[in-house]
PDB file of N, CA and C in Angstrom:
ATOM      1  N   MET A   1       0.724  -1.098   0.055  1.00  0.00           N
ATOM      2  CA  MET A   1       0.070  -0.038   0.042  1.00  0.00           C
ATOM      3  C   MET A   1       0.805   1.140   0.013  1.00  0.00           C
ATOM      4  N   GLU A   2       1.959   1.336   0.862  1.00  0.00           N
ATOM      5  CA  GLU A   2       2.657   2.443   0.929  1.00  0.00           C
ATOM      6  C   GLU A   2       3.550   2.794  -0.482  1.00  0.00           C
ATOM      7  N   GLU A   3       3.778   1.517  -1.150  1.00  0.00           N
ATOM      8  CA  GLU A   3       4.655   1.755  -2.225  1.00  0.00           C
ATOM      9  C   GLU A   3       3.904   2.388  -3.499  1.00  0.00           C
ATOM     10  N   GLN A   4       2.352   2.352  -3.391  1.00  0.00           N
ATOM     11  CA  GLN A   4       1.615   2.796  -4.356  1.00  0.00           C
ATOM     12  C   GLN A   4       1.513   4.397  -4.200  1.00  0.00           C
ATOM     13  N   ASN A   5       1.546   4.758  -2.860  1.00  0.00           N
ATOM     14  CA  ASN A   5       1.400   6.275  -2.462  1.00  0.00           C
ATOM     15  C   ASN A   5       2.683   7.008  -2.850  1.00  0.00           C
ATOM     16  N   VAL A   6       3.818   6.254  -2.690  1.00  0.00           N
ATOM     17  CA  VAL A   6       5.088   6.793  -3.157  1.00  0.00           C
ATOM     18  C   VAL A   6       5.187   7.017  -4.597  1.00  0.00           C
ATOM     19  N   GLN A   7       4.647   6.173  -5.424  1.00  0.00           N
ATOM     20  CA  GLN A   7       4.756   6.239  -6.866  1.00  0.00           C
ATOM     21  C   GLN A   7       3.712   7.163  -7.328  1.00  0.00           C
ATOM     22  N   ASN A   8       2.724   7.517  -6.619  1.00  0.00           N
ATOM     23  CA  ASN A   8       1.702   8.441  -7.155  1.00  0.00           C
ATOM     24  C   ASN A   8       2.117   9.685  -7.001  1.00  0.00           C
ATOM     25  N   LYS A   9       2.945  10.031  -6.014  1.00  0.00           N
ATOM     26  CA  LYS A   9       3.342  11.531  -5.836  1.00  0.00           C
ATOM     27  C   LYS A   9       4.087  11.963  -6.970  1.00  0.00           C
ATOM     28  N   ALA A  10       3.759  13.362  -7.373  1.00  0.00           N
ATOM     29  CA  ALA A  10       4.426  13.836  -8.647  1.00  0.00           C
ATOM     30  C   ALA A  10       5.810  14.370  -8.276  1.00  0.00           C
ATOM     31  N   ALA A  11       6.693  14.149  -9.125  1.00  0.00           N
ATOM     32  CA  ALA A  11       8.054  14.473  -8.976  1.00  0.00           C
ATOM     33  C   ALA A  11       8.078  16.042  -8.748  1.00  0.00           C
ATOM     34  N   LYS A  12       9.071  16.556  -7.973  1.00  0.00           N
ATOM     35  CA  LYS A  12       9.114  18.010  -7.669  1.00  0.00           C
ATOM     36  C   LYS A  12       9.939  18.587  -8.945  1.00  0.00           C
ATOM     37  N   ARG A  13       9.487  19.722  -9.355  1.00  0.00           N
ATOM     38  CA  ARG A  13      10.229  20.282 -10.394  1.00  0.00           C
ATOM     39  C   ARG A  13      11.270  21.179  -9.866  1.00  0.00           C
ATOM     40  N   SER A  14      12.534  21.328 -10.581  1.00  0.00           N
ATOM     41  CA  SER A  14      13.511  21.947 -10.242  1.00  0.00           C
ATOM     42  C   SER A  14      14.070  22.773 -11.465  1.00  0.00           C
ATOM     43  N   PHE A  15      14.679  23.848 -11.156  1.00  0.00           N
ATOM     44  CA  PHE A  15      15.161  24.896 -12.353  1.00  0.00           C
ATOM     45  C   PHE A  15      16.567  25.454 -11.706  1.00  0.00           C
ATOM     46  N   VAL A  16      17.279  25.746 -12.695  1.00  0.00           N
ATOM     47  CA  VAL A  16      18.643  26.377 -12.522  1.00  0.00           C
ATOM     48  C   VAL A  16      18.314  27.761 -12.849  1.00  0.00           C
ATOM     49  N   GLY A  17      18.674  28.869 -12.029  1.00  0.00           N
ATOM     50  CA  GLY A  17      18.683  30.263 -12.633  1.00  0.00           C
ATOM     51  C   GLY A  17      19.649  31.182 -11.874  1.00  0.00           C
ATOM     52  N   ILE A  18      19.489  32.471 -12.177  1.00  0.00           N
ATOM     53  CA  ILE A  18      20.644  33.366 -11.594  1.00  0.00           C
ATOM     54  C   ILE A  18      19.730  34.250 -10.638  1.00  0.00           C
ATOM     55  N   VAL A  19      20.321  34.442  -9.286  1.00  0.00           N
ATOM     56  CA  VAL A  19      19.690  35.551  -8.463  1.00  0.00           C
ATOM     57  C   VAL A  19      19.696  36.831  -8.917  1.00  0.00           C
ATOM     58  N   THR A  20      18.532  37.559  -9.060  1.00  0.00           N
ATOM     59  CA  THR A  20      18.522  38.882  -9.426  1.00  0.00           C
ATOM     60  C   THR A  20      18.402  39.833  -8.310  1.00  0.00           C
ATOM     61  N   SER A  21      17.844  39.255  -7.135  1.00  0.00           N
ATOM     62  CA  SER A  21      17.561  40.253  -5.999  1.00  0.00           C
ATOM     63  C   SER A  21      17.756  39.356  -4.776  1.00  0.00           C
ATOM     64  N   ASP A  22      18.385  39.929  -3.728  1.00  0.00           N
ATOM     65  CA  ASP A  22      18.488  39.204  -2.276  1.00  0.00           C
ATOM     66  C   ASP A  22      18.166  40.431  -1.143  1.00  0.00           C
ATOM     67  N   LYS A  23      17.592  41.275  -1.443  1.00  0.00           N
ATOM     68  CA  LYS A  23      17.108  42.261  -0.460  1.00  0.00           C
ATOM     69  C   LYS A  23      16.227  41.838   0.534  1.00  0.00           C
ATOM     70  N   MET A  24      15.400  41.014   0.265  1.00  0.00           N
ATOM     71  CA  MET A  24      14.374  40.421   1.242  1.00  0.00           C
ATOM     72  C   MET A  24      14.896  39.682   2.240  1.00  0.00           C
ATOM     73  N   ASP A  25      14.407  39.529   3.426  1.00  0.00           N
ATOM     74  CA  ASP A  25      14.990  38.600   4.430  1.00  0.00           C
ATOM     75  C   ASP A  25      14.552  37.118   4.112  1.00  0.00           C
ATOM     76  N   LYS A  26      15.548  36.128   4.062  1.00  0.00           N
ATOM     77  CA  LYS A  26      15.256  34.723   3.682  1.00  0.00           C
ATOM     78  C   LYS A  26      14.531  34.673   2.545  1.00  0.00           C
ATOM     79  N   THR A  27      14.590  35.553   1.451  1.00  0.00           N
ATOM     80  CA  THR A  27      13.973  35.476   0.096  1.00  0.00           C
ATOM     81  C   THR A  27      14.861  35.817  -0.827  1.00  0.00           C
ATOM     82  N   ILE A  28      15.021  35.038  -1.933  1.00  0.00           N
ATOM     83  CA  ILE A  28      15.798  35.449  -3.112  1.00  0.00           C
ATOM     84  C   ILE A  28      14.780  35.579  -4.292  1.00  0.00           C
ATOM     85  N   VAL A  29      15.052  36.392  -5.307  1.00  0.00           N
ATOM     86  CA  VAL A  29      14.402  36.313  -6.647  1.00  0.00           C
ATOM     87  C   VAL A  29      15.160  35.721  -7.727  1.00  0.00           C
ATOM     88  N   VAL A  30      14.807  34.768  -8.345  1.00  0.00           N
ATOM     89  CA  VAL A  30      15.595  34.018  -9.335  1.00  0.00           C
ATOM     90  C   VAL A  30      15.006  34.067 -10.721  1.00  0.00           C
ATOM     91  N   SER A  31      15.824  34.358 -11.711  1.00  0.00           N
ATOM     92  CA  SER A  31      15.500  34.565 -13.088  1.00  0.00           C
ATOM     93  C   SER A  31      15.780  33.300 -13.820  1.00  0.00           C
ATOM     94  N   ILE A  32      14.879  32.660 -14.467  1.00  0.00           N
ATOM     95  CA  ILE A  32      15.051  31.390 -15.237  1.00  0.00           C
ATOM     96  C   ILE A  32      14.654  31.765 -16.660  1.00  0.00           C
ATOM     97  N   ASP A  33      15.803  31.368 -17.393  1.00  0.00           N
ATOM     98  CA  ASP A  33      15.755  31.816 -19.028  1.00  0.00           C
ATOM     99  C   ASP A  33      15.468  30.308 -19.710  1.00  0.00           C
ATOM    100  N   SER A  34      14.518  30.324 -20.571  1.00  0.00           N
ATOM    101  CA  SER A  34      14.410  29.211 -21.430  1.00  0.00           C
ATOM    102  C   SER A  34      14.280  29.654 -22.993  1.00  0.00           C
ATOM    103  N   LYS A  35      14.683  28.755 -23.778  1.00  0.00           N
ATOM    104  CA  LYS A  35      14.638  29.143 -25.047  1.00  0.00           C
ATOM    105  C   LYS A  35      13.582  28.320 -25.862  1.00  0.00           C
ATOM    106  N   LYS A  36      12.637  29.040 -26.588  1.00  0.00           N
ATOM    107  CA  LYS A  36      11.546  28.379 -27.148  1.00  0.00           C
ATOM    108  C   LYS A  36      11.472  28.749 -28.751  1.00  0.00           C
ATOM    109  N   MET A  37      11.023  28.073 -29.628  1.00  0.00           N
ATOM    110  CA  MET A  37      10.946  28.204 -30.993  1.00  0.00           C
ATOM    111  C   MET A  37       9.670  28.995 -31.163  1.00  0.00           C
ATOM    112  N   ASP A  38       9.835  30.038 -32.012  1.00  0.00           N
ATOM    113  CA  ASP A  38       8.612  30.791 -32.459  1.00  0.00           C
ATOM    114  C   ASP A  38       7.928  30.063 -33.575  1.00  0.00           C
ATOM    115  N   ARG A  39       6.686  29.749 -33.542  1.00  0.00           N
ATOM    116  CA  ARG A  39       5.993  29.043 -34.509  1.00  0.00           C
ATOM    117  C   ARG A  39       5.926  29.895 -35.881  1.00  0.00           C
ATOM    118  N   LEU A  40       5.762  31.086 -35.791  1.00  0.00           N
ATOM    119  CA  LEU A  40       5.657  31.799 -37.090  1.00  0.00           C
ATOM    120  C   LEU A  40       7.013  32.045 -37.703  1.00  0.00           C
ATOM    121  N   TYR A  41       7.818  32.508 -36.975  1.00  0.00           N
ATOM    122  CA  TYR A  41       9.234  32.998 -37.651  1.00  0.00           C
ATOM    123  C   TYR A  41      10.297  32.045 -37.586  1.00  0.00           C
ATOM    124  N   LYS A  42      10.032  30.783 -36.922  1.00  0.00           N
ATOM    125  CA  LYS A  42      10.988  29.543 -36.885  1.00  0.00           C
ATOM    126  C   LYS A  42      12.456  30.206 -36.215  1.00  0.00           C
ATOM    127  N   LYS A  43      12.424  31.085 -35.237  1.00  0.00           N
ATOM    128  CA  LYS A  43      13.460  31.392 -34.461  1.00  0.00           C
ATOM    129  C   LYS A  43      13.337  31.289 -33.057  1.00  0.00           C
ATOM    130  N   TYR A  44      14.431  30.965 -32.385  1.00  0.00           N
ATOM    131  CA  TYR A  44      14.418  30.802 -30.791  1.00  0.00           C
ATOM    132  C   TYR A  44      14.207  32.076 -30.170  1.00  0.00           C
ATOM    133  N   VAL A  45      13.329  32.165 -29.251  1.00  0.00           N
ATOM    134  CA  VAL A  45      13.114  33.318 -28.481  1.00  0.00           C
ATOM    135  C   VAL A  45      13.380  33.005 -27.082  1.00  0.00           C
ATOM    136  N   THR A  46      14.151  33.861 -26.346  1.00  0.00           N
ATOM    137  CA  THR A  46      14.477  33.628 -24.916  1.00  0.00           C
ATOM    138  C   THR A  46      13.311  34.119 -24.098  1.00  0.00           C
ATOM    139  N   ARG A  47      12.819  33.364 -23.214  1.00  0.00           N
ATOM    140  CA  ARG A  47      11.699  33.732 -22.282  1.00  0.00           C
ATOM    141  C   ARG A  47      12.292  33.684 -20.857  1.00  0.00           C
ATOM    142  N   THR A  48      11.926  34.736 -20.036  1.00  0.00           N
ATOM    143  CA  THR A  48      12.442  35.113 -18.678  1.00  0.00           C
ATOM    144  C   THR A  48      11.421  34.746 -17.647  1.00  0.00           C
ATOM    145  N   LYS A  49      11.561  33.980 -16.704  1.00  0.00           N
ATOM    146  CA  LYS A  49      10.430  33.734 -15.559  1.00  0.00           C
ATOM    147  C   LYS A  49      11.201  34.105 -14.482  1.00  0.00           C
ATOM    148  N   LYS A  50      10.416  34.778 -13.622  1.00  0.00           N
ATOM    149  CA  LYS A  50      11.079  35.227 -12.161  1.00  0.00           C
ATOM    150  C   LYS A  50      10.268  34.459 -11.045  1.00  0.00           C
ATOM    151  N   CYS A  51      10.929  33.861 -10.296  1.00  0.00           N
ATOM    152  CA  CYS A  51      10.363  33.221  -9.149  1.00  0.00           C
ATOM    153  C   CYS A  51      10.985  33.617  -7.951  1.00  0.00           C
ATOM    154  N   LYS A  52      10.242  33.686  -6.700  1.00  0.00           N
ATOM    155  CA  LYS A  52      10.732  34.007  -5.508  1.00  0.00           C
ATOM    156  C   LYS A  52      10.802  32.715  -4.744  1.00  0.00           C
ATOM    157  N   ALA A  53      12.182  32.504  -4.140  1.00  0.00           N
ATOM    158  CA  ALA A  53      12.577  31.170  -3.497  1.00  0.00           C
ATOM    159  C   ALA A  53      12.886  31.495  -2.095  1.00  0.00           C
ATOM    160  N   HIS A  54      12.706  30.624  -1.245  1.00  0.00           N
ATOM    161  CA  HIS A  54      13.225  30.656   0.105  1.00  0.00           C
ATOM    162  C   HIS A  54      14.452  30.210   0.530  1.00  0.00           C
ATOM    163  N   ASP A  55      15.273  31.137   1.095  1.00  0.00           N
ATOM    164  CA  ASP A  55      16.426  30.882   1.202  1.00  0.00           C
ATOM    165  C   ASP A  55      16.827  31.123   2.787  1.00  0.00           C
ATOM    166  N   GLU A  56      16.880  30.048   3.478  1.00  0.00           N
ATOM    167  CA  GLU A  56      16.664  30.121   4.941  1.00  0.00           C
ATOM    168  C   GLU A  56      17.709  30.672   5.561  1.00  0.00           C
ATOM    169  N   LYS A  57      19.321  30.518   5.067  1.00  0.00           N
ATOM    170  CA  LYS A  57      20.256  30.926   5.562  1.00  0.00           C
ATOM    171  C   LYS A  57      20.897  32.265   5.044  1.00  0.00           C
ATOM    172  N   ASN A  58      20.135  32.861   4.092  1.00  0.00           N
ATOM    173  CA  ASN A  58      20.569  34.022   3.479  1.00  0.00           C
ATOM    174  C   ASN A  58      21.895  33.920   3.032  1.00  0.00           C
ATOM    175  N   GLU A  59      22.300  32.940   2.078  1.00  0.00           N
ATOM    176  CA  GLU A  59      23.617  32.511   1.597  1.00  0.00           C
ATOM    177  C   GLU A  59      23.851  32.770   0.274  1.00  0.00           C
ATOM    178  N   ALA A  60      22.693  32.852  -0.489  1.00  0.00           N
ATOM    179  CA  ALA A  60      22.734  33.234  -2.027  1.00  0.00           C
ATOM    180  C   ALA A  60      22.616  34.675  -2.078  1.00  0.00           C
ATOM    181  N   HIS A  61      23.541  35.226  -3.219  1.00  0.00           N
ATOM    182  CA  HIS A  61      23.721  36.631  -3.278  1.00  0.00           C
ATOM    183  C   HIS A  61      23.625  36.949  -4.843  1.00  0.00           C
ATOM    184  N   VAL A  62      23.289  38.220  -5.271  1.00  0.00           N
ATOM    185  CA  VAL A  62      23.047  38.668  -6.563  1.00  0.00           C
ATOM    186  C   VAL A  62      24.311  38.111  -7.567  1.00  0.00           C
ATOM    187  N   GLY A  63      23.730  37.509  -8.488  1.00  0.00           N
ATOM    188  CA  GLY A  63      24.719  37.004  -9.534  1.00  0.00           C
ATOM    189  C   GLY A  63      25.096  35.521  -9.453  1.00  0.00           C
ATOM    190  N   ASP A  64      24.736  34.917  -8.152  1.00  0.00           N
ATOM    191  CA  ASP A  64      24.992  33.529  -8.084  1.00  0.00           C
ATOM    192  C   ASP A  64      24.030  32.556  -8.952  1.00  0.00           C
ATOM    193  N   THR A  65      24.636  31.482  -9.455  1.00  0.00           N
ATOM    194  CA  THR A  65      23.652  30.475 -10.177  1.00  0.00           C
ATOM    195  C   THR A  65      23.172  29.428  -9.116  1.00  0.00           C
ATOM    196  N   VAL A  66      21.828  29.369  -9.031  1.00  0.00           N
ATOM    197  CA  VAL A  66      21.348  28.523  -7.914  1.00  0.00           C
ATOM    198  C   VAL A  66      20.446  27.543  -8.575  1.00  0.00           C
ATOM    199  N   ARG A  67      19.874  26.529  -7.775  1.00  0.00           N
ATOM    200  CA  ARG A  67      18.915  25.534  -8.207  1.00  0.00           C
ATOM    201  C   ARG A  67      17.891  25.556  -7.110  1.00  0.00           C
ATOM    202  N   ILE A  68      16.766  25.733  -7.655  1.00  0.00           N
ATOM    203  CA  ILE A  68      15.504  25.929  -6.725  1.00  0.00           C
ATOM    204  C   ILE A  68      14.577  24.673  -7.054  1.00  0.00           C
ATOM    205  N   VAL A  69      13.827  24.240  -5.938  1.00  0.00           N
ATOM    206  CA  VAL A  69      12.989  23.103  -6.075  1.00  0.00           C
ATOM    207  C   VAL A  69      11.579  23.546  -5.670  1.00  0.00           C
ATOM    208  N   GLU A  70      10.715  22.801  -6.297  1.00  0.00           N
ATOM    209  CA  GLU A  70       9.216  23.236  -5.891  1.00  0.00           C
ATOM    210  C   GLU A  70       8.981  22.719  -4.372  1.00  0.00           C
ATOM    211  N   CYS A  71       8.223  23.460  -3.564  1.00  0.00           N
ATOM    212  CA  CYS A  71       7.766  22.929  -2.236  1.00  0.00           C
ATOM    213  C   CYS A  71       6.437  23.504  -2.166  1.00  0.00           C
ATOM    214  N   THR A  72       5.992  23.244  -0.792  1.00  0.00           N
ATOM    215  CA  THR A  72       4.478  23.609  -0.538  1.00  0.00           C
ATOM    216  C   THR A  72       4.588  25.272  -0.254  1.00  0.00           C
ATOM    217  N   PRO A  73       3.640  25.968  -0.405  1.00  0.00           N
ATOM    218  CA  PRO A  73       3.528  27.460  -0.376  1.00  0.00           C
ATOM    219  C   PRO A  73       3.978  27.811   1.060  1.00  0.00           C
ATOM    220  N   ILE A  74       5.072  28.809   0.949  1.00  0.00           N
ATOM    221  CA  ILE A  74       5.548  29.321   2.365  1.00  0.00           C
ATOM    222  C   ILE A  74       4.772  30.632   2.519  1.00  0.00           C
ATOM    223  N   SER A  75       4.523  31.242   1.425  1.00  0.00           N
ATOM    224  CA  SER A  75       3.637  32.691   1.671  1.00  0.00           C
ATOM    225  C   SER A  75       2.775  32.820   0.339  1.00  0.00           C
ATOM    226  N   LYS A  76       2.341  34.030   0.047  1.00  0.00           N
ATOM    227  CA  LYS A  76       1.587  34.220  -1.127  1.00  0.00           C
ATOM    228  C   LYS A  76       2.287  34.135  -2.458  1.00  0.00           C
ATOM    229  N   ASP A  77       3.482  34.401  -2.399  1.00  0.00           N
ATOM    230  CA  ASP A  77       4.162  34.401  -3.646  1.00  0.00           C
ATOM    231  C   ASP A  77       5.280  33.341  -3.686  1.00  0.00           C
ATOM    232  N   LYS A  78       5.744  32.806  -2.704  1.00  0.00           N
ATOM    233  CA  LYS A  78       6.700  31.716  -2.470  1.00  0.00           C
ATOM    234  C   LYS A  78       6.314  30.432  -2.646  1.00  0.00           C
ATOM    235  N   CYS A  79       6.880  29.583  -3.460  1.00  0.00           N
ATOM    236  CA  CYS A  79       6.545  28.142  -3.477  1.00  0.00           C
ATOM    237  C   CYS A  79       7.602  27.372  -4.012  1.00  0.00           C
ATOM    238  N   TRP A  80       8.739  28.153  -3.806  1.00  0.00           N
ATOM    239  CA  TRP A  80      10.134  27.378  -4.222  1.00  0.00           C
ATOM    240  C   TRP A  80      10.935  27.657  -3.036  1.00  0.00           C
ATOM    241  N   ARG A  81      12.117  26.675  -3.003  1.00  0.00           N
ATOM    242  CA  ARG A  81      13.024  26.822  -2.084  1.00  0.00           C
ATOM    243  C   ARG A  81      14.323  26.611  -2.696  1.00  0.00           C
ATOM    244  N   LEU A  82      15.398  27.216  -1.989  1.00  0.00           N
ATOM    245  CA  LEU A  82      16.727  26.981  -2.421  1.00  0.00           C
ATOM    246  C   LEU A  82      17.204  25.822  -2.286  1.00  0.00           C
ATOM    247  N   GLU A  83      17.704  24.812  -3.253  1.00  0.00           N
ATOM    248  CA  GLU A  83      18.330  23.656  -2.977  1.00  0.00           C
ATOM    249  C   GLU A  83      19.825  23.626  -2.830  1.00  0.00           C
ATOM    250  N   SER A  84      20.400  24.385  -3.687  1.00  0.00           N
ATOM    251  CA  SER A  84      21.970  24.488  -3.662  1.00  0.00           C
ATOM    252  C   SER A  84      22.345  25.808  -4.499  1.00  0.00           C
ATOM    253  N   ILE A  85      23.598  26.025  -4.200  1.00  0.00           N
ATOM    254  CA  ILE A  85      24.253  27.100  -5.036  1.00  0.00           C
ATOM    255  C   ILE A  85      25.091  26.531  -6.051  1.00  0.00           C
ATOM    256  N   VAL A  86      24.920  26.513  -7.251  1.00  0.00           N
ATOM    257  CA  VAL A  86      25.679  25.851  -8.389  1.00  0.00           C
ATOM    258  C   VAL A  86      27.039  26.534  -8.401  1.00  0.00           C
ATOM    259  N   GLU A  87      26.933  27.996  -8.608  1.00  0.00           N
ATOM    260  CA  GLU A  87      28.234  28.597  -8.851  1.00  0.00           C
ATOM    261  C   GLU A  87      28.141  30.114  -8.186  1.00  0.00           C
ATOM    262  N   LYS A  88      28.999  30.462  -7.416  1.00  0.00           N
ATOM    263  CA  LYS A  88      29.173  31.869  -6.750  1.00  0.00           C
ATOM    264  C   LYS A  88      29.541  32.853  -7.886  1.00  0.00           C
ATOM    265  N   ALA A  89      29.008  34.027  -7.715  1.00  0.00           N
ATOM    266  CA  ALA A  89      29.266  35.132  -8.497  1.00  0.00           C
ATOM    267  C   ALA A  89      30.780  35.601  -8.363  1.00  0.00           C
ATOM    268  N   LYS A  90      31.433  35.968  -9.376  1.00  0.00           N
ATOM    269  CA  LYS A  90      32.833  36.543  -9.301  1.00  0.00           C
ATOM    270  C   LYS A  90      32.905  37.889  -8.790  1.00  0.00           C
TER     271      LYS A  90
END
């Protein structure tokens, strides 16, 4: 019975992006870029999505490349949390 429950759970999404703001306490804003083919012009267009993520220890700063993971809603806008810092800003 427990094995079925584990299999039915949806996998948590994760993204890699760049921190654009760290001014809030325990919150960072992460910009996620994705390239998508335009159907009419057949060219790749860069789309940017901004997500607020929970950073418990305030360890990520502007310019860092980070991995964020989906979680239960923490506040009105935050439903992501910082998993790891992939690369520090120079």
